[in-house]
Amino acid sequence: MKLDIPGIDGSLGECVLCGESFLKEIMLNQTVATIHLDGFNAALPIHKETCLPALEKNGPDWKTLPDGPLRREFAKHFSEAVQS
């Protein structure tokens, strides 16, 4: 998974759950929250006011995640695991 952290090469970043940028956080000089998930070797950026609570409420089933980078990564991983 390509991590899109705000600030690198002028990037606005990408939330791991919804895929939207961190424009608001950048404009208001706010810190971008990150999460750590088993199976990922890096901190994942997430909107702390909207997406983090949604992720926590979702529970452990990746299939019930909203469409976005994280769900697509899990789908890709499990699809490749089934084909192997």
N, C-alpha and C. Protein backbone atom coordinates (compact mmCIF):
# COMPACT_ATOMS: atom_id res chain seq x y z
N MET A 1 0.84 -1.17 0.00
CA MET A 1 0.00 0.00 0.00
C MET A 1 0.89 1.23 0.00
N LYS A 2 0.63 2.14 -0.89
CA LYS A 2 1.37 3.39 -0.93
C LYS A 2 0.78 4.32 0.12
N LEU A 3 1.61 4.77 1.04
CA LEU A 3 1.15 5.70 2.06
C LEU A 3 1.23 7.11 1.53
N ASP A 4 0.19 7.85 1.71
CA ASP A 4 0.17 9.23 1.24
C ASP A 4 0.06 10.15 2.45
N ILE A 5 1.20 10.45 3.03
CA ILE A 5 1.28 11.31 4.20
C ILE A 5 1.32 12.76 3.74
N PRO A 6 0.58 13.64 4.39
CA PRO A 6 0.62 15.05 4.01
C PRO A 6 2.01 15.64 4.12
N GLY A 7 2.33 16.51 3.20
CA GLY A 7 3.57 17.25 3.27
C GLY A 7 4.68 16.75 2.37
N ILE A 8 4.71 15.47 2.06
CA ILE A 8 5.78 14.94 1.23
C ILE A 8 5.58 15.42 -0.19
N ASP A 9 6.57 16.15 -0.73
CA ASP A 9 6.50 16.72 -2.08
C ASP A 9 5.26 17.57 -2.28
N GLY A 10 4.79 18.25 -1.23
CA GLY A 10 3.62 19.12 -1.33
C GLY A 10 2.30 18.37 -1.35
N SER A 11 2.32 17.09 -1.03
CA SER A 11 1.12 16.27 -1.04
C SER A 11 0.13 16.72 0.02
N LEU A 12 -1.16 16.59 -0.29
CA LEU A 12 -2.21 16.87 0.70
C LEU A 12 -2.54 15.62 1.50
N GLY A 13 -1.91 14.52 1.17
CA GLY A 13 -2.12 13.27 1.88
C GLY A 13 -3.40 12.58 1.48
N GLU A 14 -3.60 11.38 2.04
CA GLU A 14 -4.78 10.58 1.75
C GLU A 14 -5.15 9.77 2.98
N CYS A 15 -6.39 9.90 3.42
CA CYS A 15 -6.87 9.13 4.56
C CYS A 15 -6.97 7.67 4.16
N VAL A 16 -6.47 6.79 5.02
CA VAL A 16 -6.46 5.37 4.73
C VAL A 16 -7.88 4.79 4.66
N LEU A 17 -8.84 5.42 5.33
CA LEU A 17 -10.20 4.88 5.34
C LEU A 17 -11.05 5.44 4.19
N CYS A 18 -11.11 6.76 4.05
CA CYS A 18 -11.99 7.37 3.03
C CYS A 18 -11.28 7.76 1.75
N GLY A 19 -9.97 7.94 1.79
CA GLY A 19 -9.22 8.30 0.59
C GLY A 19 -9.18 9.79 0.31
N GLU A 20 -9.85 10.60 1.14
CA GLU A 20 -9.87 12.05 0.94
C GLU A 20 -8.58 12.67 1.49
N SER A 21 -8.30 13.90 1.07
CA SER A 21 -7.07 14.58 1.48
C SER A 21 -7.18 15.13 2.91
N PHE A 22 -6.08 15.66 3.39
CA PHE A 22 -6.01 16.30 4.70
C PHE A 22 -5.91 17.81 4.54
N LEU A 23 -6.60 18.35 3.55
CA LEU A 23 -6.55 19.79 3.27
C LEU A 23 -6.96 20.61 4.50
N LYS A 24 -8.05 20.22 5.16
CA LYS A 24 -8.52 20.96 6.33
C LYS A 24 -7.45 20.98 7.42
N GLU A 25 -6.87 19.83 7.70
CA GLU A 25 -5.85 19.75 8.74
C GLU A 25 -4.63 20.60 8.38
N ILE A 26 -4.26 20.60 7.12
CA ILE A 26 -3.11 21.39 6.68
C ILE A 26 -3.41 22.88 6.81
N MET A 27 -4.61 23.28 6.35
CA MET A 27 -4.98 24.70 6.39
C MET A 27 -5.09 25.22 7.84
N LEU A 28 -5.54 24.36 8.76
CA LEU A 28 -5.71 24.76 10.15
C LEU A 28 -4.49 24.41 11.02
N ASN A 29 -3.42 23.93 10.37
CA ASN A 29 -2.18 23.56 11.06
C ASN A 29 -2.44 22.55 12.18
N GLN A 30 -3.28 21.55 11.87
CA GLN A 30 -3.61 20.50 12.83
C GLN A 30 -2.77 19.26 12.55
N THR A 31 -2.56 18.47 13.58
CA THR A 31 -1.84 17.22 13.45
C THR A 31 -2.75 16.18 12.80
N VAL A 32 -2.19 15.38 11.92
CA VAL A 32 -2.93 14.28 11.30
C VAL A 32 -2.75 13.04 12.16
N ALA A 33 -3.86 12.43 12.52
CA ALA A 33 -3.82 11.22 13.35
C ALA A 33 -3.30 10.04 12.52
N THR A 34 -2.65 9.12 13.19
CA THR A 34 -2.22 7.89 12.54
C THR A 34 -2.65 6.70 13.39
N ILE A 35 -2.80 5.56 12.72
CA ILE A 35 -3.15 4.33 13.40
C ILE A 35 -2.14 3.26 13.03
N HIS A 36 -2.07 2.25 13.84
CA HIS A 36 -1.21 1.10 13.57
C HIS A 36 -2.11 -0.13 13.50
N LEU A 37 -2.03 -0.87 12.41
CA LEU A 37 -2.82 -2.08 12.22
C LEU A 37 -1.89 -3.26 12.01
N ASP A 38 -2.27 -4.41 12.56
CA ASP A 38 -1.50 -5.63 12.34
C ASP A 38 -1.39 -5.88 10.85
N GLY A 39 -0.21 -6.24 10.40
CA GLY A 39 0.01 -6.54 8.99
C GLY A 39 0.58 -5.37 8.20
N PHE A 40 0.61 -4.18 8.81
CA PHE A 40 1.17 -3.00 8.14
C PHE A 40 2.40 -2.56 8.92
N ASN A 41 3.46 -2.24 8.22
CA ASN A 41 4.71 -1.89 8.89
C ASN A 41 4.93 -0.38 9.00
N ALA A 42 3.86 0.38 8.86
CA ALA A 42 3.96 1.83 8.97
C ALA A 42 2.69 2.38 9.61
N ALA A 43 2.80 3.59 10.14
CA ALA A 43 1.62 4.28 10.66
C ALA A 43 0.76 4.72 9.48
N LEU A 44 -0.55 4.58 9.64
CA LEU A 44 -1.49 4.90 8.57
C LEU A 44 -2.25 6.18 8.92
N PRO A 45 -2.26 7.19 8.03
CA PRO A 45 -2.93 8.46 8.33
C PRO A 45 -4.45 8.31 8.21
N ILE A 46 -5.18 8.97 9.13
CA ILE A 46 -6.63 8.86 9.17
C ILE A 46 -7.24 10.16 9.72
N HIS A 47 -8.42 10.52 9.22
CA HIS A 47 -9.14 11.67 9.79
C HIS A 47 -9.62 11.30 11.19
N LYS A 48 -9.14 12.04 12.20
CA LYS A 48 -9.44 11.65 13.58
C LYS A 48 -10.87 11.97 14.00
N GLU A 49 -11.52 12.95 13.40
CA GLU A 49 -12.87 13.32 13.83
C GLU A 49 -13.97 12.49 13.17
N THR A 50 -13.72 11.99 11.99
CA THR A 50 -14.77 11.27 11.26
C THR A 50 -14.41 9.82 11.00
N CYS A 51 -13.26 9.58 10.44
CA CYS A 51 -12.90 8.23 10.00
C CYS A 51 -12.42 7.32 11.13
N LEU A 52 -11.70 7.86 12.09
CA LEU A 52 -11.23 7.03 13.20
C LEU A 52 -12.40 6.44 13.99
N PRO A 53 -13.41 7.25 14.36
CA PRO A 53 -14.57 6.66 15.04
C PRO A 53 -15.30 5.62 14.17
N ALA A 54 -15.38 5.87 12.88
CA ALA A 54 -16.04 4.91 11.97
C ALA A 54 -15.27 3.60 11.93
N LEU A 55 -13.94 3.68 11.90
CA LEU A 55 -13.11 2.48 11.89
C LEU A 55 -13.27 1.71 13.20
N GLU A 56 -13.27 2.41 14.31
CA GLU A 56 -13.43 1.76 15.62
C GLU A 56 -14.80 1.09 15.72
N LYS A 57 -15.83 1.76 15.21
CA LYS A 57 -17.19 1.21 15.26
C LYS A 57 -17.33 0.00 14.33
N ASN A 58 -16.58 -0.02 13.26
CA ASN A 58 -16.68 -1.09 12.27
C ASN A 58 -16.34 -2.46 12.85
N GLY A 59 -15.34 -2.51 13.70
CA GLY A 59 -14.92 -3.80 14.25
C GLY A 59 -13.90 -4.47 13.33
N PRO A 60 -13.62 -5.75 13.58
CA PRO A 60 -12.52 -6.43 12.90
C PRO A 60 -12.80 -6.93 11.48
N ASP A 61 -14.03 -6.89 11.01
CA ASP A 61 -14.36 -7.43 9.69
C ASP A 61 -14.07 -6.42 8.59
N TRP A 62 -12.99 -6.64 7.83
CA TRP A 62 -12.61 -5.69 6.79
C TRP A 62 -13.67 -5.59 5.70
N LYS A 63 -14.48 -6.62 5.52
CA LYS A 63 -15.50 -6.60 4.47
C LYS A 63 -16.59 -5.58 4.73
N THR A 64 -16.71 -5.10 5.95
CA THR A 64 -17.73 -4.10 6.27
C THR A 64 -17.16 -2.68 6.28
N LEU A 65 -15.89 -2.52 5.95
CA LEU A 65 -15.30 -1.19 5.85
C LEU A 65 -15.90 -0.43 4.66
N PRO A 66 -15.99 0.89 4.75
CA PRO A 66 -16.44 1.66 3.58
C PRO A 66 -15.41 1.57 2.46
N ASP A 67 -15.86 1.78 1.24
CA ASP A 67 -14.93 1.75 0.12
C ASP A 67 -13.85 2.81 0.32
N GLY A 68 -12.62 2.41 0.17
CA GLY A 68 -11.49 3.32 0.34
C GLY A 68 -10.20 2.53 0.26
N PRO A 69 -9.08 3.21 0.46
CA PRO A 69 -7.78 2.56 0.33
C PRO A 69 -7.59 1.33 1.22
N LEU A 70 -8.03 1.40 2.47
CA LEU A 70 -7.83 0.28 3.39
C LEU A 70 -8.63 -0.94 2.96
N ARG A 71 -9.88 -0.75 2.63
CA ARG A 71 -10.71 -1.88 2.19
C ARG A 71 -10.15 -2.49 0.91
N ARG A 72 -9.72 -1.65 -0.02
CA ARG A 72 -9.16 -2.16 -1.28
C ARG A 72 -7.87 -2.95 -1.03
N GLU A 73 -7.06 -2.50 -0.08
CA GLU A 73 -5.82 -3.22 0.23
C GLU A 73 -6.12 -4.59 0.84
N PHE A 74 -7.08 -4.64 1.76
CA PHE A 74 -7.47 -5.93 2.33
C PHE A 74 -8.04 -6.85 1.25
N ALA A 75 -8.88 -6.33 0.39
CA ALA A 75 -9.48 -7.14 -0.68
C ALA A 75 -8.40 -7.68 -1.61
N LYS A 76 -7.45 -6.84 -1.95
CA LYS A 76 -6.33 -7.26 -2.81
C LYS A 76 -5.52 -8.36 -2.12
N HIS A 77 -5.21 -8.16 -0.86
CA HIS A 77 -4.41 -9.13 -0.10
C HIS A 77 -5.12 -10.48 -0.03
N PHE A 78 -6.38 -10.48 0.35
CA PHE A 78 -7.09 -11.74 0.51
C PHE A 78 -7.41 -12.39 -0.83
N SER A 79 -7.56 -11.60 -1.87
CA SER A 79 -7.75 -12.15 -3.21
C SER A 79 -6.49 -12.87 -3.67
N GLU A 80 -5.33 -12.26 -3.43
CA GLU A 80 -4.05 -12.89 -3.81
C GLU A 80 -3.81 -14.13 -2.97
N ALA A 81 -4.19 -14.11 -1.69
CA ALA A 81 -3.99 -15.27 -0.82
C ALA A 81 -4.82 -16.46 -1.30
N VAL A 82 -6.03 -16.19 -1.79
CA VAL A 82 -6.89 -17.26 -2.27
C VAL A 82 -6.34 -17.86 -3.56
N GLN A 83 -5.74 -17.02 -4.43
CA GLN A 83 -5.22 -17.47 -5.72
C GLN A 83 -3.93 -18.27 -5.55
N SER A 84 -3.20 -18.05 -4.49
CA SER A 84 -1.90 -18.71 -4.29
C SER A 84 -2.06 -20.18 -3.99
